[in-house]
Amino acid sequence: GEAGQALSEDSDGTESPAYLYWVDAGELRVMESRVYTEL
C-alpha cells in the first residue's frame, strides 16, 4: 500500500523512495500477486 501510494505521488520535483527507479504500476501488481500467493 505504501509503495502504491508513493508511486501515485511520484513526480518531478518530489523526493521519492529509491526503489521507484525500477517500480511501475505493472511491477507493483506483480509483487502484489506474489504476496497473495505466499499468503
All heavy atoms as atom14 arrays in JSON, in Angstrom:
{
  "sequence": "GEAGQALSEDSDGTESPAYLYWVDAGELRVMESRVYTEL",
  "atom14_mask": [
    [1, 1, 1, 1, 0, 0, 0, 0, 0, 0, 0, 0, 0, 0],
    [1, 1, 1, 1, 1, 1, 1, 1, 1, 0, 0, 0, 0, 0],
    [1, 1, 1, 1, 1, 0, 0, 0, 0, 0, 0, 0, 0, 0],
    [1, 1, 1, 1, 0, 0, 0, 0, 0, 0, 0, 0, 0, 0],
    [1, 1, 1, 1, 1, 1, 1, 1, 1, 0, 0, 0, 0, 0],
    [1, 1, 1, 1, 1, 0, 0, 0, 0, 0, 0, 0, 0, 0],
    [1, 1, 1, 1, 1, 1, 1, 1, 0, 0, 0, 0, 0, 0],
    [1, 1, 1, 1, 1, 1, 0, 0, 0, 0, 0, 0, 0, 0],
    [1, 1, 1, 1, 1, 1, 1, 1, 1, 0, 0, 0, 0, 0],
    [1, 1, 1, 1, 1, 1, 1, 1, 0, 0, 0, 0, 0, 0],
    [1, 1, 1, 1, 1, 1, 0, 0, 0, 0, 0, 0, 0, 0],
    [1, 1, 1, 1, 1, 1, 1, 1, 0, 0, 0, 0, 0, 0],
    [1, 1, 1, 1, 0, 0, 0, 0, 0, 0, 0, 0, 0, 0],
    [1, 1, 1, 1, 1, 1, 1, 0, 0, 0, 0, 0, 0, 0],
    [1, 1, 1, 1, 1, 1, 1, 1, 1, 0, 0, 0, 0, 0],
    [1, 1, 1, 1, 1, 1, 0, 0, 0, 0, 0, 0, 0, 0],
    [1, 1, 1, 1, 1, 1, 1, 0, 0, 0, 0, 0, 0, 0],
    [1, 1, 1, 1, 1, 0, 0, 0, 0, 0, 0, 0, 0, 0],
    [1, 1, 1, 1, 1, 1, 1, 1, 1, 1, 1, 1, 0, 0],
    [1, 1, 1, 1, 1, 1, 1, 1, 0, 0, 0, 0, 0, 0],
    [1, 1, 1, 1, 1, 1, 1, 1, 1, 1, 1, 1, 0, 0],
    [1, 1, 1, 1, 1, 1, 1, 1, 1, 1, 1, 1, 1, 1],
    [1, 1, 1, 1, 1, 1, 1, 0, 0, 0, 0, 0, 0, 0],
    [1, 1, 1, 1, 1, 1, 1, 1, 0, 0, 0, 0, 0, 0],
    [1, 1, 1, 1, 1, 0, 0, 0, 0, 0, 0, 0, 0, 0],
    [1, 1, 1, 1, 0, 0, 0, 0, 0, 0, 0, 0, 0, 0],
    [1, 1, 1, 1, 1, 1, 1, 1, 1, 0, 0, 0, 0, 0],
    [1, 1, 1, 1, 1, 1, 1, 1, 0, 0, 0, 0, 0, 0],
    [1, 1, 1, 1, 1, 1, 1, 1, 1, 1, 1, 0, 0, 0],
    [1, 1, 1, 1, 1, 1, 1, 0, 0, 0, 0, 0, 0, 0],
    [1, 1, 1, 1, 1, 1, 1, 1, 0, 0, 0, 0, 0, 0],
    [1, 1, 1, 1, 1, 1, 1, 1, 1, 0, 0, 0, 0, 0],
    [1, 1, 1, 1, 1, 1, 0, 0, 0, 0, 0, 0, 0, 0],
    [1, 1, 1, 1, 1, 1, 1, 1, 1, 1, 1, 0, 0, 0],
    [1, 1, 1, 1, 1, 1, 1, 0, 0, 0, 0, 0, 0, 0],
    [1, 1, 1, 1, 1, 1, 1, 1, 1, 1, 1, 1, 0, 0],
    [1, 1, 1, 1, 1, 1, 1, 0, 0, 0, 0, 0, 0, 0],
    [1, 1, 1, 1, 1, 1, 1, 1, 1, 0, 0, 0, 0, 0],
    [1, 1, 1, 1, 1, 1, 1, 1, 0, 0, 0, 0, 0, 0]
  ],
  "atom14_positions": [
    [[0.82, -1.21, 0.0], [0.0, 0.0, 0.0], [0.85, 1.26, 0.0], [0.56, 2.21, -0.73], [0.0, 0.0, 0.0], [0.0, 0.0, 0.0], [0.0, 0.0, 0.0], [0.0, 0.0, 0.0], [0.0, 0.0, 0.0], [0.0, 0.0, 0.0], [0.0, 0.0, 0.0], [0.0, 0.0, 0.0], [0.0, 0.0, 0.0], [0.0, 0.0, 0.0]],
    [[1.9, 1.24, 0.8], [2.8, 2.39, 0.85], [3.52, 2.58, -0.49], [3.69, 3.71, -0.96], [3.82, 2.22, 1.97], [3.21, 2.34, 3.35], [4.17, 1.96, 4.47], [5.36, 1.69, 4.2], [3.72, 1.94, 5.63], [0.0, 0.0, 0.0], [0.0, 0.0, 0.0], [0.0, 0.0, 0.0], [0.0, 0.0, 0.0], [0.0, 0.0, 0.0]],
    [[3.92, 1.48, -1.11], [4.58, 1.57, -2.42], [3.61, 2.1, -3.47], [3.97, 2.94, -4.3], [5.11, 0.2, -2.84], [0.0, 0.0, 0.0], [0.0, 0.0, 0.0], [0.0, 0.0, 0.0], [0.0, 0.0, 0.0], [0.0, 0.0, 0.0], [0.0, 0.0, 0.0], [0.0, 0.0, 0.0], [0.0, 0.0, 0.0], [0.0, 0.0, 0.0]],
    [[2.36, 1.65, -3.43], [1.36, 2.16, -4.36], [1.12, 3.64, -4.17], [0.99, 4.39, -5.15], [0.0, 0.0, 0.0], [0.0, 0.0, 0.0], [0.0, 0.0, 0.0], [0.0, 0.0, 0.0], [0.0, 0.0, 0.0], [0.0, 0.0, 0.0], [0.0, 0.0, 0.0], [0.0, 0.0, 0.0], [0.0, 0.0, 0.0], [0.0, 0.0, 0.0]],
    [[1.08, 4.06, -2.93], [0.89, 5.48, -2.63], [2.08, 6.29, -3.15], [1.91, 7.34, -3.78], [0.72, 5.69, -1.12], [0.42, 7.11, -0.72], [-0.95, 7.56, -1.16], [-1.88, 6.77, -1.29], [-1.09, 8.85, -1.43], [0.0, 0.0, 0.0], [0.0, 0.0, 0.0], [0.0, 0.0, 0.0], [0.0, 0.0, 0.0], [0.0, 0.0, 0.0]],
    [[3.29, 5.82, -2.89], [4.49, 6.52, -3.36], [4.52, 6.6, -4.87], [4.86, 7.63, -5.45], [5.74, 5.81, -2.84], [0.0, 0.0, 0.0], [0.0, 0.0, 0.0], [0.0, 0.0, 0.0], [0.0, 0.0, 0.0], [0.0, 0.0, 0.0], [0.0, 0.0, 0.0], [0.0, 0.0, 0.0], [0.0, 0.0, 0.0], [0.0, 0.0, 0.0]],
    [[4.1, 5.53, -5.52], [4.08, 5.5, -6.98], [3.07, 6.5, -7.53], [3.34, 7.22, -8.49], [3.75, 4.09, -7.47], [3.85, 3.82, -8.95], [5.27, 4.05, -9.45], [3.44, 2.39, -9.26], [0.0, 0.0, 0.0], [0.0, 0.0, 0.0], [0.0, 0.0, 0.0], [0.0, 0.0, 0.0], [0.0, 0.0, 0.0], [0.0, 0.0, 0.0]],
    [[1.92, 6.6, -6.89], [0.89, 7.52, -7.37], [1.28, 8.98, -7.14], [0.81, 9.87, -7.85], [-0.46, 7.23, -6.71], [-0.44, 7.58, -5.34], [0.0, 0.0, 0.0], [0.0, 0.0, 0.0], [0.0, 0.0, 0.0], [0.0, 0.0, 0.0], [0.0, 0.0, 0.0], [0.0, 0.0, 0.0], [0.0, 0.0, 0.0], [0.0, 0.0, 0.0]],
    [[2.13, 9.21, -6.16], [2.55, 10.59, -5.86], [3.87, 10.96, -6.52], [4.33, 12.1, -6.38], [2.68, 10.76, -4.34], [1.35, 10.63, -3.62], [1.5, 10.61, -2.1], [2.64, 10.59, -1.6], [0.46, 10.59, -1.42], [0.0, 0.0, 0.0], [0.0, 0.0, 0.0], [0.0, 0.0, 0.0], [0.0, 0.0, 0.0], [0.0, 0.0, 0.0]],
    [[4.49, 10.03, -7.24], [5.8, 10.27, -7.84], [5.68, 11.29, -8.97], [4.85, 11.15, -9.88], [6.37, 8.96, -8.39], [7.79, 9.12, -8.88], [8.58, 9.83, -8.22], [8.12, 8.53, -9.92], [0.0, 0.0, 0.0], [0.0, 0.0, 0.0], [0.0, 0.0, 0.0], [0.0, 0.0, 0.0], [0.0, 0.0, 0.0], [0.0, 0.0, 0.0]],
    [[6.47, 12.32, -8.9], [6.51, 13.34, -9.95], [7.83, 14.09, -9.87], [8.54, 14.01, -8.86], [5.32, 14.31, -9.83], [5.41, 15.02, -8.62], [0.0, 0.0, 0.0], [0.0, 0.0, 0.0], [0.0, 0.0, 0.0], [0.0, 0.0, 0.0], [0.0, 0.0, 0.0], [0.0, 0.0, 0.0], [0.0, 0.0, 0.0], [0.0, 0.0, 0.0]],
    [[8.15, 14.81, -10.92], [9.35, 15.63, -10.91], [9.24, 16.65, -9.79], [8.19, 17.22, -9.55], [9.53, 16.35, -12.25], [9.85, 15.37, -13.38], [10.37, 14.28, -13.08], [9.59, 15.71, -14.54], [0.0, 0.0, 0.0], [0.0, 0.0, 0.0], [0.0, 0.0, 0.0], [0.0, 0.0, 0.0], [0.0, 0.0, 0.0], [0.0, 0.0, 0.0]],
    [[10.35, 16.86, -9.11], [10.37, 17.85, -8.05], [9.99, 17.33, -6.69], [10.0, 18.07, -5.72], [0.0, 0.0, 0.0], [0.0, 0.0, 0.0], [0.0, 0.0, 0.0], [0.0, 0.0, 0.0], [0.0, 0.0, 0.0], [0.0, 0.0, 0.0], [0.0, 0.0, 0.0], [0.0, 0.0, 0.0], [0.0, 0.0, 0.0], [0.0, 0.0, 0.0]],
    [[9.6, 16.05, -6.59], [9.29, 15.47, -5.29], [10.33, 14.41, -4.96], [10.83, 13.74, -5.85], [7.88, 14.83, -5.25], [7.84, 13.76, -6.19], [6.8, 15.84, -5.56], [0.0, 0.0, 0.0], [0.0, 0.0, 0.0], [0.0, 0.0, 0.0], [0.0, 0.0, 0.0], [0.0, 0.0, 0.0], [0.0, 0.0, 0.0], [0.0, 0.0, 0.0]],
    [[10.61, 14.26, -3.7], [11.54, 13.22, -3.27], [10.77, 11.91, -3.16], [9.77, 11.83, -2.45], [12.18, 13.58, -1.94], [13.28, 12.62, -1.56], [14.04, 13.06, -0.31], [14.0, 14.25, 0.03], [14.65, 12.19, 0.3], [0.0, 0.0, 0.0], [0.0, 0.0, 0.0], [0.0, 0.0, 0.0], [0.0, 0.0, 0.0], [0.0, 0.0, 0.0]],
    [[11.25, 10.91, -3.88], [10.57, 9.63, -3.91], [11.46, 8.56, -3.3], [12.68, 8.7, -3.29], [10.25, 9.23, -5.35], [9.44, 10.2, -5.96], [0.0, 0.0, 0.0], [0.0, 0.0, 0.0], [0.0, 0.0, 0.0], [0.0, 0.0, 0.0], [0.0, 0.0, 0.0], [0.0, 0.0, 0.0], [0.0, 0.0, 0.0], [0.0, 0.0, 0.0]],
    [[10.86, 7.45, -2.83], [11.68, 6.34, -2.34], [12.62, 5.84, -3.45], [12.27, 5.86, -4.63], [10.65, 5.27, -1.98], [9.37, 6.0, -1.77], [9.43, 7.18, -2.7], [0.0, 0.0, 0.0], [0.0, 0.0, 0.0], [0.0, 0.0, 0.0], [0.0, 0.0, 0.0], [0.0, 0.0, 0.0], [0.0, 0.0, 0.0], [0.0, 0.0, 0.0]],
    [[13.8, 5.4, -3.06], [14.82, 4.98, -4.02], [14.36, 3.84, -4.92], [14.77, 3.75, -6.08], [16.1, 4.59, -3.29], [0.0, 0.0, 0.0], [0.0, 0.0, 0.0], [0.0, 0.0, 0.0], [0.0, 0.0, 0.0], [0.0, 0.0, 0.0], [0.0, 0.0, 0.0], [0.0, 0.0, 0.0], [0.0, 0.0, 0.0], [0.0, 0.0, 0.0]],
    [[13.49, 2.96, -4.43], [13.06, 1.81, -5.22], [12.2, 2.18, -6.42], [12.0, 1.37, -7.32], [12.33, 0.77, -4.36], [11.07, 1.28, -3.7], [9.87, 1.36, -4.4], [11.08, 1.67, -2.37], [8.72, 1.83, -3.78], [9.93, 2.13, -1.76], [8.76, 2.21, -2.45], [7.63, 2.67, -1.85], [0.0, 0.0, 0.0], [0.0, 0.0, 0.0]],
    [[11.69, 3.38, -6.47], [10.8, 3.74, -7.58], [11.5, 3.83, -8.92], [10.85, 3.9, -9.94], [10.06, 5.05, -7.29], [8.9, 4.96, -6.31], [8.16, 6.29, -6.24], [7.94, 3.84, -6.66], [0.0, 0.0, 0.0], [0.0, 0.0, 0.0], [0.0, 0.0, 0.0], [0.0, 0.0, 0.0], [0.0, 0.0, 0.0], [0.0, 0.0, 0.0]],
    [[12.82, 3.77, -8.93], [13.51, 3.82, -10.22], [13.21, 2.58, -11.06], [13.31, 2.61, -12.27], [15.02, 4.01, -10.04], [15.78, 2.76, -9.68], [16.35, 1.96, -10.68], [15.93, 2.37, -8.36], [17.04, 0.81, -10.34], [16.61, 1.24, -8.02], [17.17, 0.45, -9.01], [17.86, -0.69, -8.69], [0.0, 0.0, 0.0], [0.0, 0.0, 0.0]],
    [[12.81, 1.47, -10.44], [12.51, 0.26, -11.2], [11.08, -0.22, -11.04], [10.67, -1.19, -11.67], [13.48, -0.87, -10.86], [13.38, -1.41, -9.46], [14.05, -0.96, -8.38], [12.55, -2.48, -9.01], [13.69, -1.69, -7.27], [12.78, -2.63, -7.62], [11.64, -3.34, -9.62], [12.14, -3.59, -6.85], [11.0, -4.29, -8.85], [11.25, -4.41, -7.48]],
    [[10.3, 0.44, -10.23], [8.91, 0.01, -10.0], [7.96, 0.88, -10.8], [8.04, 2.1, -10.77], [8.56, 0.09, -8.49], [7.09, -0.22, -8.27], [9.43, -0.85, -7.69], [0.0, 0.0, 0.0], [0.0, 0.0, 0.0], [0.0, 0.0, 0.0], [0.0, 0.0, 0.0], [0.0, 0.0, 0.0], [0.0, 0.0, 0.0], [0.0, 0.0, 0.0]],
    [[7.08, 0.22, -11.5], [5.97, 0.91, -12.15], [4.69, 0.19, -11.72], [4.74, -0.75, -10.92], [6.14, 0.95, -13.67], [6.2, -0.44, -14.32], [5.85, -1.44, -13.66], [6.6, -0.51, -15.48], [0.0, 0.0, 0.0], [0.0, 0.0, 0.0], [0.0, 0.0, 0.0], [0.0, 0.0, 0.0], [0.0, 0.0, 0.0], [0.0, 0.0, 0.0]],
    [[3.58, 0.62, -12.23], [2.3, 0.03, -11.81], [2.25, -1.47, -12.11], [1.74, -2.26, -11.31], [1.14, 0.75, -12.48], [0.0, 0.0, 0.0], [0.0, 0.0, 0.0], [0.0, 0.0, 0.0], [0.0, 0.0, 0.0], [0.0, 0.0, 0.0], [0.0, 0.0, 0.0], [0.0, 0.0, 0.0], [0.0, 0.0, 0.0], [0.0, 0.0, 0.0]],
    [[2.78, -1.88, -13.26], [2.79, -3.3, -13.61], [3.63, -4.13, -12.67], [3.22, -5.21, -12.23], [0.0, 0.0, 0.0], [0.0, 0.0, 0.0], [0.0, 0.0, 0.0], [0.0, 0.0, 0.0], [0.0, 0.0, 0.0], [0.0, 0.0, 0.0], [0.0, 0.0, 0.0], [0.0, 0.0, 0.0], [0.0, 0.0, 0.0], [0.0, 0.0, 0.0]],
    [[4.82, -3.63, -12.35], [5.7, -4.35, -11.43], [5.09, -4.43, -10.04], [5.21, -5.45, -9.35], [7.07, -3.67, -11.37], [8.08, -4.41, -10.54], [8.46, -5.78, -11.08], [8.37, -6.0, -12.31], [8.83, -6.64, -10.26], [0.0, 0.0, 0.0], [0.0, 0.0, 0.0], [0.0, 0.0, 0.0], [0.0, 0.0, 0.0], [0.0, 0.0, 0.0]],
    [[4.4, -3.4, -9.62], [3.74, -3.43, -8.32], [2.64, -4.48, -8.28], [2.47, -5.19, -7.3], [3.2, -2.04, -7.97], [2.74, -1.85, -6.54], [3.87, -2.13, -5.54], [2.21, -0.45, -6.34], [0.0, 0.0, 0.0], [0.0, 0.0, 0.0], [0.0, 0.0, 0.0], [0.0, 0.0, 0.0], [0.0, 0.0, 0.0], [0.0, 0.0, 0.0]],
    [[1.9, -4.64, -9.4], [0.87, -5.68, -9.47], [1.51, -7.07, -9.39], [0.95, -7.99, -8.79], [0.04, -5.53, -10.74], [-0.94, -4.4, -10.64], [-2.02, -4.34, -11.72], [-1.87, -5.14, -12.88], [-1.41, -4.72, -14.07], [-1.02, -3.49, -14.23], [-1.34, -5.54, -15.1], [0.0, 0.0, 0.0], [0.0, 0.0, 0.0], [0.0, 0.0, 0.0]],
    [[2.68, -7.23, -10.01], [3.39, -8.5, -9.93], [3.73, -8.8, -8.47], [3.51, -9.92, -7.98], [4.67, -8.48, -10.79], [5.58, -9.64, -10.48], [4.32, -8.46, -12.27], [0.0, 0.0, 0.0], [0.0, 0.0, 0.0], [0.0, 0.0, 0.0], [0.0, 0.0, 0.0], [0.0, 0.0, 0.0], [0.0, 0.0, 0.0], [0.0, 0.0, 0.0]],
    [[4.25, -7.82, -7.77], [4.62, -8.02, -6.36], [3.39, -8.29, -5.5], [3.42, -9.12, -4.6], [5.38, -6.8, -5.83], [6.75, -6.61, -6.44], [7.86, -8.01, -6.17], [7.8, -8.83, -7.76], [0.0, 0.0, 0.0], [0.0, 0.0, 0.0], [0.0, 0.0, 0.0], [0.0, 0.0, 0.0], [0.0, 0.0, 0.0], [0.0, 0.0, 0.0]],
    [[2.3, -7.61, -5.8], [1.05, -7.85, -5.07], [0.57, -9.28, -5.28], [0.17, -9.96, -4.33], [-0.02, -6.85, -5.51], [-1.3, -6.95, -4.74], [-2.34, -5.93, -5.19], [-2.09, -5.17, -6.14], [-3.41, -5.91, -4.56], [0.0, 0.0, 0.0], [0.0, 0.0, 0.0], [0.0, 0.0, 0.0], [0.0, 0.0, 0.0], [0.0, 0.0, 0.0]],
    [[0.64, -9.76, -6.51], [0.22, -11.14, -6.79], [1.09, -12.13, -6.05], [0.61, -13.15, -5.56], [0.22, -11.42, -8.29], [1.53, -11.42, -8.82], [0.0, 0.0, 0.0], [0.0, 0.0, 0.0], [0.0, 0.0, 0.0], [0.0, 0.0, 0.0], [0.0, 0.0, 0.0], [0.0, 0.0, 0.0], [0.0, 0.0, 0.0], [0.0, 0.0, 0.0]],
    [[2.38, -11.83, -5.94], [3.3, -12.72, -5.21], [2.93, -12.75, -3.73], [2.94, -13.82, -3.09], [4.74, -12.25, -5.39], [5.74, -13.1, -4.66], [5.74, -14.51, -5.19], [6.78, -15.29, -4.56], [6.78, -16.6, -4.52], [5.79, -17.28, -5.07], [7.75, -17.25, -3.95], [0.0, 0.0, 0.0], [0.0, 0.0, 0.0], [0.0, 0.0, 0.0]],
    [[2.62, -11.61, -3.16], [2.25, -11.55, -1.74], [1.0, -12.39, -1.5], [0.95, -13.2, -0.57], [2.05, -10.1, -1.28], [1.38, -10.04, 0.09], [3.38, -9.36, -1.26], [0.0, 0.0, 0.0], [0.0, 0.0, 0.0], [0.0, 0.0, 0.0], [0.0, 0.0, 0.0], [0.0, 0.0, 0.0], [0.0, 0.0, 0.0], [0.0, 0.0, 0.0]],
    [[-0.02, -12.23, -2.33], [-1.24, -13.0, -2.17], [-0.97, -14.5, -2.32], [-1.57, -15.32, -1.62], [-2.32, -12.56, -3.15], [-2.96, -11.25, -2.8], [-3.11, -10.26, -3.77], [-3.42, -10.98, -1.52], [-3.71, -9.05, -3.46], [-4.01, -9.78, -1.2], [-4.15, -8.81, -2.18], [-4.73, -7.61, -1.87], [0.0, 0.0, 0.0], [0.0, 0.0, 0.0]],
    [[-0.06, -14.86, -3.23], [0.29, -16.27, -3.4], [0.94, -16.8, -2.14], [0.58, -17.88, -1.64], [1.24, -16.45, -4.61], [0.6, -15.97, -5.79], [1.59, -17.91, -4.82], [0.0, 0.0, 0.0], [0.0, 0.0, 0.0], [0.0, 0.0, 0.0], [0.0, 0.0, 0.0], [0.0, 0.0, 0.0], [0.0, 0.0, 0.0], [0.0, 0.0, 0.0]],
    [[1.89, -16.07, -1.59], [2.59, -16.5, -0.38], [1.67, -16.54, 0.84], [1.89, -17.34, 1.75], [3.79, -15.6, -0.1], [4.95, -15.86, -1.03], [5.48, -17.28, -0.94], [5.78, -17.74, 0.18], [5.58, -17.94, -1.99], [0.0, 0.0, 0.0], [0.0, 0.0, 0.0], [0.0, 0.0, 0.0], [0.0, 0.0, 0.0], [0.0, 0.0, 0.0]],
    [[0.67, -15.69, 0.86], [-0.29, -15.67, 1.97], [-1.39, -16.72, 1.79], [-2.29, -16.8, 2.61], [-0.92, -14.28, 2.11], [0.01, -13.16, 2.57], [-0.72, -11.82, 2.54], [0.55, -13.46, 3.97], [0.0, 0.0, 0.0], [0.0, 0.0, 0.0], [0.0, 0.0, 0.0], [0.0, 0.0, 0.0], [0.0, 0.0, 0.0], [0.0, 0.0, 0.0]]
  ]
}
